[in-house]
Each structure stands twice: as C-alpha cells, then as structure tokens.
Amino acid sequence: MQGECRLCGKKGFMHEHHVFPGAYRKLSDEYGAVVLLCPECHRYIHSGKGVEDKRQLQCDVQYEVMDANEWDLNMWLLIFGKSWL
C-alpha cells in the first residue's frame, strides 16, 4: 500500500500497523486504529527498541479515536476495556 509513514514521514510502500495489538486487533480495525508505517519503522516498533514511540503512538491514536467518536474515557474503557493513556 502506498502512503506516508506516521512516524518518519517517508512516502512510498507502507505496512498497516494495528496500534492496539492482540485481543484489541479487531477493535483497532473496527474503530480505525490502524496507521501506515514504512517497513523500517514497522520493524522498529516491533523490535522492542521503539517502546517509547510505540507508547506515544498508542496514546495519540487513542485520543484520535475517542475524539472521532465523541467518547470520554469511560466510553473508551467500556469498549476497549483498557486505556493506553
């Protein structure tokens, strides 16, 4: 998929990254918590070296999803059951 990397801004071929993993992957799809990352940034996020960037991305995207759906934190917790803020 072509696009722009959410982390570094590089343009070109991108990977889709589900911001909230595992049991939350389906909810990430449903509520648009999927971002584009270049292959290098995607590997970095999953390598364990990108923990700070991963946490910041999760926080930013949680706010974006909450804002887009006009949810407060209680509604977020009702749907996701966990907060990354």
PDB file of N, CA and C in Angstrom:
ATOM      1  N   MET A   1       0.843  -1.165   0.000  1.00  0.00           N
ATOM      2  CA  MET A   1       0.000   0.000   0.000  1.00  0.00           C
ATOM      3  C   MET A   1       0.896   1.239   0.000  1.00  0.00           C
ATOM      4  N   GLN A   2       0.537   2.217  -0.776  1.00  0.00           N
ATOM      5  CA  GLN A   2       1.283   3.468  -0.867  1.00  0.00           C
ATOM      6  C   GLN A   2       0.752   4.471   0.163  1.00  0.00           C
ATOM      7  N   GLY A   3       1.621   5.288   0.695  1.00  0.00           N
ATOM      8  CA  GLY A   3       1.193   6.292   1.649  1.00  0.00           C
ATOM      9  C   GLY A   3       2.372   6.978   2.296  1.00  0.00           C
ATOM     10  N   GLU A   4       2.117   7.563   3.477  1.00  0.00           N
ATOM     11  CA  GLU A   4       3.144   8.279   4.223  1.00  0.00           C
ATOM     12  C   GLU A   4       3.266   7.689   5.621  1.00  0.00           C
ATOM     13  N   CYS A   5       4.489   7.443   6.054  1.00  0.00           N
ATOM     14  CA  CYS A   5       4.746   6.844   7.365  1.00  0.00           C
ATOM     15  C   CYS A   5       4.327   7.786   8.482  1.00  0.00           C
ATOM     16  N   ARG A   6       3.574   7.268   9.419  1.00  0.00           N
ATOM     17  CA  ARG A   6       3.082   8.043  10.556  1.00  0.00           C
ATOM     18  C   ARG A   6       4.229   8.495  11.462  1.00  0.00           C
ATOM     19  N   LEU A   7       5.329   7.741  11.489  1.00  0.00           N
ATOM     20  CA  LEU A   7       6.434   8.095  12.381  1.00  0.00           C
ATOM     21  C   LEU A   7       7.484   8.985  11.727  1.00  0.00           C
ATOM     22  N   CYS A   8       7.974   8.601  10.565  1.00  0.00           N
ATOM     23  CA  CYS A   8       9.105   9.327   9.976  1.00  0.00           C
ATOM     24  C   CYS A   8       8.725  10.216   8.796  1.00  0.00           C
ATOM     25  N   GLY A   9       7.503  10.045   8.260  1.00  0.00           N
ATOM     26  CA  GLY A   9       7.055  10.875   7.158  1.00  0.00           C
ATOM     27  C   GLY A   9       7.486  10.417   5.779  1.00  0.00           C
ATOM     28  N   LYS A  10       8.249   9.323   5.717  1.00  0.00           N
ATOM     29  CA  LYS A  10       8.683   8.783   4.429  1.00  0.00           C
ATOM     30  C   LYS A  10       7.463   8.418   3.594  1.00  0.00           C
ATOM     31  N   LYS A  11       7.562   8.612   2.280  1.00  0.00           N
ATOM     32  CA  LYS A  11       6.474   8.258   1.365  1.00  0.00           C
ATOM     33  C   LYS A  11       6.872   7.063   0.529  1.00  0.00           C
ATOM     34  N   GLY A  12       5.878   6.259   0.191  1.00  0.00           N
ATOM     35  CA  GLY A  12       6.130   5.076  -0.626  1.00  0.00           C
ATOM     36  C   GLY A  12       5.338   3.897  -0.103  1.00  0.00           C
ATOM     37  N   PHE A  13       5.937   2.720  -0.242  1.00  0.00           N
ATOM     38  CA  PHE A  13       5.278   1.492   0.213  1.00  0.00           C
ATOM     39  C   PHE A  13       5.198   1.486   1.739  1.00  0.00           C
ATOM     40  N   MET A  14       4.003   1.195   2.269  1.00  0.00           N
ATOM     41  CA  MET A  14       3.769   1.200   3.711  1.00  0.00           C
ATOM     42  C   MET A  14       3.144  -0.106   4.188  1.00  0.00           C
ATOM     43  N   HIS A  15       3.341  -0.399   5.447  1.00  0.00           N
ATOM     44  CA  HIS A  15       2.665  -1.502   6.131  1.00  0.00           C
ATOM     45  C   HIS A  15       1.531  -0.913   6.957  1.00  0.00           C
ATOM     46  N   GLU A  16       0.448  -1.662   7.093  1.00  0.00           N
ATOM     47  CA  GLU A  16      -0.609  -1.274   8.020  1.00  0.00           C
ATOM     48  C   GLU A  16      -0.230  -1.798   9.402  1.00  0.00           C
ATOM     49  N   HIS A  17      -0.270  -0.926  10.384  1.00  0.00           N
ATOM     50  CA  HIS A  17       0.080  -1.306  11.758  1.00  0.00           C
ATOM     51  C   HIS A  17      -1.138  -1.133  12.651  1.00  0.00           C
ATOM     52  N   HIS A  18      -1.558  -2.220  13.279  1.00  0.00           N
ATOM     53  CA  HIS A  18      -2.665  -2.174  14.244  1.00  0.00           C
ATOM     54  C   HIS A  18      -2.089  -1.633  15.554  1.00  0.00           C
ATOM     55  N   VAL A  19      -2.538  -0.461  15.930  1.00  0.00           N
ATOM     56  CA  VAL A  19      -1.965   0.244  17.068  1.00  0.00           C
ATOM     57  C   VAL A  19      -2.206  -0.505  18.374  1.00  0.00           C
ATOM     58  N   PHE A  20      -3.359  -1.124  18.501  1.00  0.00           N
ATOM     59  CA  PHE A  20      -3.685  -1.878  19.705  1.00  0.00           C
ATOM     60  C   PHE A  20      -3.678  -3.360  19.332  1.00  0.00           C
ATOM     61  N   PRO A  21      -2.682  -4.111  19.810  1.00  0.00           N
ATOM     62  CA  PRO A  21      -2.416  -5.468  19.333  1.00  0.00           C
ATOM     63  C   PRO A  21      -3.225  -6.567  20.014  1.00  0.00           C
ATOM     64  N   GLY A  22      -2.967  -7.760  19.556  1.00  0.00           N
ATOM     65  CA  GLY A  22      -3.526  -8.959  20.178  1.00  0.00           C
ATOM     66  C   GLY A  22      -5.036  -8.962  20.209  1.00  0.00           C
ATOM     67  N   ALA A  23      -5.571  -9.072  21.408  1.00  0.00           N
ATOM     68  CA  ALA A  23      -7.024  -9.139  21.599  1.00  0.00           C
ATOM     69  C   ALA A  23      -7.716  -7.867  21.125  1.00  0.00           C
ATOM     70  N   TYR A  24      -6.972  -6.783  20.956  1.00  0.00           N
ATOM     71  CA  TYR A  24      -7.548  -5.492  20.559  1.00  0.00           C
ATOM     72  C   TYR A  24      -7.441  -5.242  19.055  1.00  0.00           C
ATOM     73  N   ARG A  25      -6.874  -6.189  18.322  1.00  0.00           N
ATOM     74  CA  ARG A  25      -6.668  -6.023  16.873  1.00  0.00           C
ATOM     75  C   ARG A  25      -7.990  -5.803  16.136  1.00  0.00           C
ATOM     76  N   LYS A  26      -8.983  -6.590  16.462  1.00  0.00           N
ATOM     77  CA  LYS A  26     -10.293  -6.465  15.813  1.00  0.00           C
ATOM     78  C   LYS A  26     -10.901  -5.087  16.097  1.00  0.00           C
ATOM     79  N   LEU A  27     -10.775  -4.612  17.335  1.00  0.00           N
ATOM     80  CA  LEU A  27     -11.274  -3.287  17.685  1.00  0.00           C
ATOM     81  C   LEU A  27     -10.473  -2.199  16.968  1.00  0.00           C
ATOM     82  N   SER A  28      -9.158  -2.423  16.794  1.00  0.00           N
ATOM     83  CA  SER A  28      -8.338  -1.475  16.033  1.00  0.00           C
ATOM     84  C   SER A  28      -8.887  -1.337  14.619  1.00  0.00           C
ATOM     85  N   ASP A  29      -9.213  -2.457  13.992  1.00  0.00           N
ATOM     86  CA  ASP A  29      -9.813  -2.426  12.649  1.00  0.00           C
ATOM     87  C   ASP A  29     -11.156  -1.699  12.665  1.00  0.00           C
ATOM     88  N   GLU A  30     -11.994  -2.066  13.604  1.00  0.00           N
ATOM     89  CA  GLU A  30     -13.356  -1.534  13.657  1.00  0.00           C
ATOM     90  C   GLU A  30     -13.393  -0.021  13.873  1.00  0.00           C
ATOM     91  N   TYR A  31     -12.472   0.493  14.688  1.00  0.00           N
ATOM     92  CA  TYR A  31     -12.510   1.905  15.045  1.00  0.00           C
ATOM     93  C   TYR A  31     -11.398   2.735  14.392  1.00  0.00           C
ATOM     94  N   GLY A  32     -10.723   2.164  13.411  1.00  0.00           N
ATOM     95  CA  GLY A  32      -9.736   2.926  12.648  1.00  0.00           C
ATOM     96  C   GLY A  32      -8.426   3.188  13.361  1.00  0.00           C
ATOM     97  N   ALA A  33      -8.063   2.320  14.272  1.00  0.00           N
ATOM     98  CA  ALA A  33      -6.790   2.465  14.984  1.00  0.00           C
ATOM     99  C   ALA A  33      -5.706   1.684  14.253  1.00  0.00           C
ATOM    100  N   VAL A  34      -5.608   1.940  12.959  1.00  0.00           N
ATOM    101  CA  VAL A  34      -4.611   1.315  12.095  1.00  0.00           C
ATOM    102  C   VAL A  34      -3.889   2.459  11.389  1.00  0.00           C
ATOM    103  N   VAL A  35      -2.565   2.471  11.476  1.00  0.00           N
ATOM    104  CA  VAL A  35      -1.782   3.538  10.864  1.00  0.00           C
ATOM    105  C   VAL A  35      -0.814   2.948   9.846  1.00  0.00           C
ATOM    106  N   LEU A  36      -0.331   3.805   8.970  1.00  0.00           N
ATOM    107  CA  LEU A  36       0.659   3.386   7.986  1.00  0.00           C
ATOM    108  C   LEU A  36       2.056   3.658   8.521  1.00  0.00           C
ATOM    109  N   LEU A  37       2.914   2.647   8.415  1.00  0.00           N
ATOM    110  CA  LEU A  37       4.314   2.769   8.797  1.00  0.00           C
ATOM    111  C   LEU A  37       5.172   2.227   7.666  1.00  0.00           C
ATOM    112  N   CYS A  38       6.313   2.881   7.415  1.00  0.00           N
ATOM    113  CA  CYS A  38       7.247   2.337   6.432  1.00  0.00           C
ATOM    114  C   CYS A  38       7.810   1.030   7.010  1.00  0.00           C
ATOM    115  N   PRO A  39       8.338   0.165   6.174  1.00  0.00           N
ATOM    116  CA  PRO A  39       8.852  -1.118   6.687  1.00  0.00           C
ATOM    117  C   PRO A  39       9.883  -0.957   7.803  1.00  0.00           C
ATOM    118  N   GLU A  40      10.758   0.057   7.699  1.00  0.00           N
ATOM    119  CA  GLU A  40      11.783   0.254   8.726  1.00  0.00           C
ATOM    120  C   GLU A  40      11.161   0.641  10.069  1.00  0.00           C
ATOM    121  N   CYS A  41      10.229   1.581  10.053  1.00  0.00           N
ATOM    122  CA  CYS A  41       9.580   1.999  11.304  1.00  0.00           C
ATOM    123  C   CYS A  41       8.716   0.881  11.870  1.00  0.00           C
ATOM    124  N   HIS A  42       8.103   0.081  11.003  1.00  0.00           N
ATOM    125  CA  HIS A  42       7.285  -1.031  11.478  1.00  0.00           C
ATOM    126  C   HIS A  42       8.156  -2.049  12.208  1.00  0.00           C
ATOM    127  N   ARG A  43       9.313  -2.365  11.638  1.00  0.00           N
ATOM    128  CA  ARG A  43      10.245  -3.283  12.310  1.00  0.00           C
ATOM    129  C   ARG A  43      10.719  -2.677  13.633  1.00  0.00           C
ATOM    130  N   TYR A  44      11.017  -1.390  13.614  1.00  0.00           N
ATOM    131  CA  TYR A  44      11.483  -0.683  14.809  1.00  0.00           C
ATOM    132  C   TYR A  44      10.446  -0.759  15.930  1.00  0.00           C
ATOM    133  N   ILE A  45       9.198  -0.508  15.614  1.00  0.00           N
ATOM    134  CA  ILE A  45       8.114  -0.546  16.609  1.00  0.00           C
ATOM    135  C   ILE A  45       7.986  -1.932  17.223  1.00  0.00           C
ATOM    136  N   HIS A  46       8.160  -2.976  16.392  1.00  0.00           N
ATOM    137  CA  HIS A  46       8.009  -4.353  16.878  1.00  0.00           C
ATOM    138  C   HIS A  46       9.298  -4.937  17.464  1.00  0.00           C
ATOM    139  N   SER A  47      10.412  -4.212  17.334  1.00  0.00           N
ATOM    140  CA  SER A  47      11.700  -4.760  17.761  1.00  0.00           C
ATOM    141  C   SER A  47      11.936  -4.683  19.262  1.00  0.00           C
ATOM    142  N   GLY A  48      11.153  -3.863  19.947  1.00  0.00           N
ATOM    143  CA  GLY A  48      11.414  -3.641  21.364  1.00  0.00           C
ATOM    144  C   GLY A  48      12.256  -2.402  21.591  1.00  0.00           C
ATOM    145  N   LYS A  49      12.924  -1.913  20.545  1.00  0.00           N
ATOM    146  CA  LYS A  49      13.724  -0.692  20.653  1.00  0.00           C
ATOM    147  C   LYS A  49      12.830   0.544  20.574  1.00  0.00           C
ATOM    148  N   GLY A  50      11.656   0.379  19.983  1.00  0.00           N
ATOM    149  CA  GLY A  50      10.760   1.509  19.779  1.00  0.00           C
ATOM    150  C   GLY A  50       9.654   1.625  20.812  1.00  0.00           C
ATOM    151  N   VAL A  51       9.916   1.185  22.027  1.00  0.00           N
ATOM    152  CA  VAL A  51       8.888   1.162  23.073  1.00  0.00           C
ATOM    153  C   VAL A  51       8.305   2.552  23.326  1.00  0.00           C
ATOM    154  N   GLU A  52       9.163   3.556  23.428  1.00  0.00           N
ATOM    155  CA  GLU A  52       8.681   4.919  23.697  1.00  0.00           C
ATOM    156  C   GLU A  52       7.801   5.420  22.549  1.00  0.00           C
ATOM    157  N   ASP A  53       8.248   5.202  21.318  1.00  0.00           N
ATOM    158  CA  ASP A  53       7.467   5.637  20.157  1.00  0.00           C
ATOM    159  C   ASP A  53       6.165   4.858  20.050  1.00  0.00           C
ATOM    160  N   LYS A  54       6.214   3.570  20.366  1.00  0.00           N
ATOM    161  CA  LYS A  54       5.007   2.748  20.331  1.00  0.00           C
ATOM    162  C   LYS A  54       3.985   3.254  21.345  1.00  0.00           C
ATOM    163  N   ARG A  55       4.429   3.551  22.544  1.00  0.00           N
ATOM    164  CA  ARG A  55       3.517   4.042  23.590  1.00  0.00           C
ATOM    165  C   ARG A  55       2.942   5.408  23.228  1.00  0.00           C
ATOM    166  N   GLN A  56       3.770   6.272  22.642  1.00  0.00           N
ATOM    167  CA  GLN A  56       3.282   7.586  22.227  1.00  0.00           C
ATOM    168  C   GLN A  56       2.251   7.439  21.114  1.00  0.00           C
ATOM    169  N   LEU A  57       2.506   6.539  20.173  1.00  0.00           N
ATOM    170  CA  LEU A  57       1.568   6.279  19.087  1.00  0.00           C
ATOM    171  C   LEU A  57       0.242   5.754  19.639  1.00  0.00           C
ATOM    172  N   GLN A  58       0.297   4.835  20.592  1.00  0.00           N
ATOM    173  CA  GLN A  58      -0.924   4.304  21.196  1.00  0.00           C
ATOM    174  C   GLN A  58      -1.709   5.402  21.904  1.00  0.00           C
ATOM    175  N   CYS A  59      -1.018   6.257  22.610  1.00  0.00           N
ATOM    176  CA  CYS A  59      -1.680   7.366  23.316  1.00  0.00           C
ATOM    177  C   CYS A  59      -2.322   8.323  22.307  1.00  0.00           C
ATOM    178  N   ASP A  60      -1.562   8.718  21.294  1.00  0.00           N
ATOM    179  CA  ASP A  60      -2.081   9.650  20.280  1.00  0.00           C
ATOM    180  C   ASP A  60      -3.298   9.086  19.565  1.00  0.00           C
ATOM    181  N   VAL A  61      -3.211   7.824  19.171  1.00  0.00           N
ATOM    182  CA  VAL A  61      -4.309   7.214  18.418  1.00  0.00           C
ATOM    183  C   VAL A  61      -5.519   6.998  19.317  1.00  0.00           C
ATOM    184  N   GLN A  62      -5.307   6.678  20.595  1.00  0.00           N
ATOM    185  CA  GLN A  62      -6.452   6.560  21.495  1.00  0.00           C
ATOM    186  C   GLN A  62      -7.198   7.889  21.553  1.00  0.00           C
ATOM    187  N   TYR A  63      -6.469   8.988  21.716  1.00  0.00           N
ATOM    188  CA  TYR A  63      -7.111  10.307  21.721  1.00  0.00           C
ATOM    189  C   TYR A  63      -7.848  10.566  20.410  1.00  0.00           C
ATOM    190  N   GLU A  64      -7.245  10.203  19.282  1.00  0.00           N
ATOM    191  CA  GLU A  64      -7.874  10.428  17.976  1.00  0.00           C
ATOM    192  C   GLU A  64      -9.175   9.639  17.832  1.00  0.00           C
ATOM    193  N   VAL A  65      -9.151   8.376  18.250  1.00  0.00           N
ATOM    194  CA  VAL A  65     -10.355   7.537  18.166  1.00  0.00           C
ATOM    195  C   VAL A  65     -11.430   8.071  19.112  1.00  0.00           C
ATOM    196  N   MET A  66     -11.036   8.442  20.312  1.00  0.00           N
ATOM    197  CA  MET A  66     -12.001   8.995  21.266  1.00  0.00           C
ATOM    198  C   MET A  66     -12.631  10.269  20.707  1.00  0.00           C
ATOM    199  N   ASP A  67     -11.804  11.138  20.129  1.00  0.00           N
ATOM    200  CA  ASP A  67     -12.298  12.393  19.563  1.00  0.00           C
ATOM    201  C   ASP A  67     -13.228  12.138  18.377  1.00  0.00           C
ATOM    202  N   ALA A  68     -12.819  11.254  17.476  1.00  0.00           N
ATOM    203  CA  ALA A  68     -13.619  10.961  16.274  1.00  0.00           C
ATOM    204  C   ALA A  68     -14.989  10.386  16.624  1.00  0.00           C
ATOM    205  N   ASN A  69     -15.056   9.649  17.732  1.00  0.00           N
ATOM    206  CA  ASN A  69     -16.310   9.016  18.138  1.00  0.00           C
ATOM    207  C   ASN A  69     -17.040   9.777  19.244  1.00  0.00           C
ATOM    208  N   GLU A  70     -16.442  10.909  19.654  1.00  0.00           N
ATOM    209  CA  GLU A  70     -17.003  11.737  20.731  1.00  0.00           C
ATOM    210  C   GLU A  70     -17.195  10.940  22.023  1.00  0.00           C
ATOM    211  N   TRP A  71     -16.156  10.147  22.346  1.00  0.00           N
ATOM    212  CA  TRP A  71     -16.166   9.337  23.559  1.00  0.00           C
ATOM    213  C   TRP A  71     -15.376  10.033  24.654  1.00  0.00           C
ATOM    214  N   ASP A  72     -15.793   9.801  25.887  1.00  0.00           N
ATOM    215  CA  ASP A  72     -14.944  10.137  27.019  1.00  0.00           C
ATOM    216  C   ASP A  72     -14.180   8.872  27.408  1.00  0.00           C
ATOM    217  N   LEU A  73     -13.345   8.981  28.415  1.00  0.00           N
ATOM    218  CA  LEU A  73     -12.536   7.827  28.819  1.00  0.00           C
ATOM    219  C   LEU A  73     -13.402   6.660  29.276  1.00  0.00           C
ATOM    220  N   ASN A  74     -14.513   6.948  29.950  1.00  0.00           N
ATOM    221  CA  ASN A  74     -15.394   5.872  30.402  1.00  0.00           C
ATOM    222  C   ASN A  74     -15.952   5.068  29.233  1.00  0.00           C
ATOM    223  N   MET A  75     -16.327   5.749  28.145  1.00  0.00           N
ATOM    224  CA  MET A  75     -16.843   5.034  26.976  1.00  0.00           C
ATOM    225  C   MET A  75     -15.741   4.205  26.328  1.00  0.00           C
ATOM    226  N   TRP A  76     -14.541   4.793  26.251  1.00  0.00           N
ATOM    227  CA  TRP A  76     -13.398   4.047  25.712  1.00  0.00           C
ATOM    228  C   TRP A  76     -13.199   2.753  26.513  1.00  0.00           C
ATOM    229  N   LEU A  77     -13.193   2.877  27.826  1.00  0.00           N
ATOM    230  CA  LEU A  77     -12.980   1.707  28.683  1.00  0.00           C
ATOM    231  C   LEU A  77     -14.107   0.693  28.547  1.00  0.00           C
ATOM    232  N   LEU A  78     -15.305   1.159  28.334  1.00  0.00           N
ATOM    233  CA  LEU A  78     -16.433   0.255  28.137  1.00  0.00           C
ATOM    234  C   LEU A  78     -16.226  -0.595  26.883  1.00  0.00           C
ATOM    235  N   ILE A  79     -15.674   0.005  25.838  1.00  0.00           N
ATOM    236  CA  ILE A  79     -15.486  -0.698  24.564  1.00  0.00           C
ATOM    237  C   ILE A  79     -14.177  -1.477  24.533  1.00  0.00           C
ATOM    238  N   PHE A  80     -13.060  -0.836  24.898  1.00  0.00           N
ATOM    239  CA  PHE A  80     -11.748  -1.478  24.806  1.00  0.00           C
ATOM    240  C   PHE A  80     -11.360  -2.205  26.088  1.00  0.00           C
ATOM    241  N   GLY A  81     -11.841  -1.740  27.229  1.00  0.00           N
ATOM    242  CA  GLY A  81     -11.509  -2.397  28.489  1.00  0.00           C
ATOM    243  C   GLY A  81     -10.146  -2.074  29.029  1.00  0.00           C
ATOM    244  N   LYS A  82      -9.390  -1.228  28.327  1.00  0.00           N
ATOM    245  CA  LYS A  82      -8.036  -0.869  28.735  1.00  0.00           C
ATOM    246  C   LYS A  82      -7.712   0.482  28.110  1.00  0.00           C
ATOM    247  N   SER A  83      -6.965   1.296  28.861  1.00  0.00           N
ATOM    248  CA  SER A  83      -6.533   2.587  28.350  1.00  0.00           C
ATOM    249  C   SER A  83      -5.022   2.593  28.185  1.00  0.00           C
ATOM    250  N   TRP A  84      -4.552   3.263  27.144  1.00  0.00           N
ATOM    251  CA  TRP A  84      -3.112   3.429  26.900  1.00  0.00           C
ATOM    252  C   TRP A  84      -2.659   4.844  27.233  1.00  0.00           C
ATOM    253  N   LEU A  85      -3.526   5.618  27.872  1.00  0.00           N
ATOM    254  CA  LEU A  85      -3.161   7.000  28.223  1.00  0.00           C
ATOM    255  C   LEU A  85      -2.275   7.030  29.444  1.00  0.00           C
TER     256      LEU A  85
END
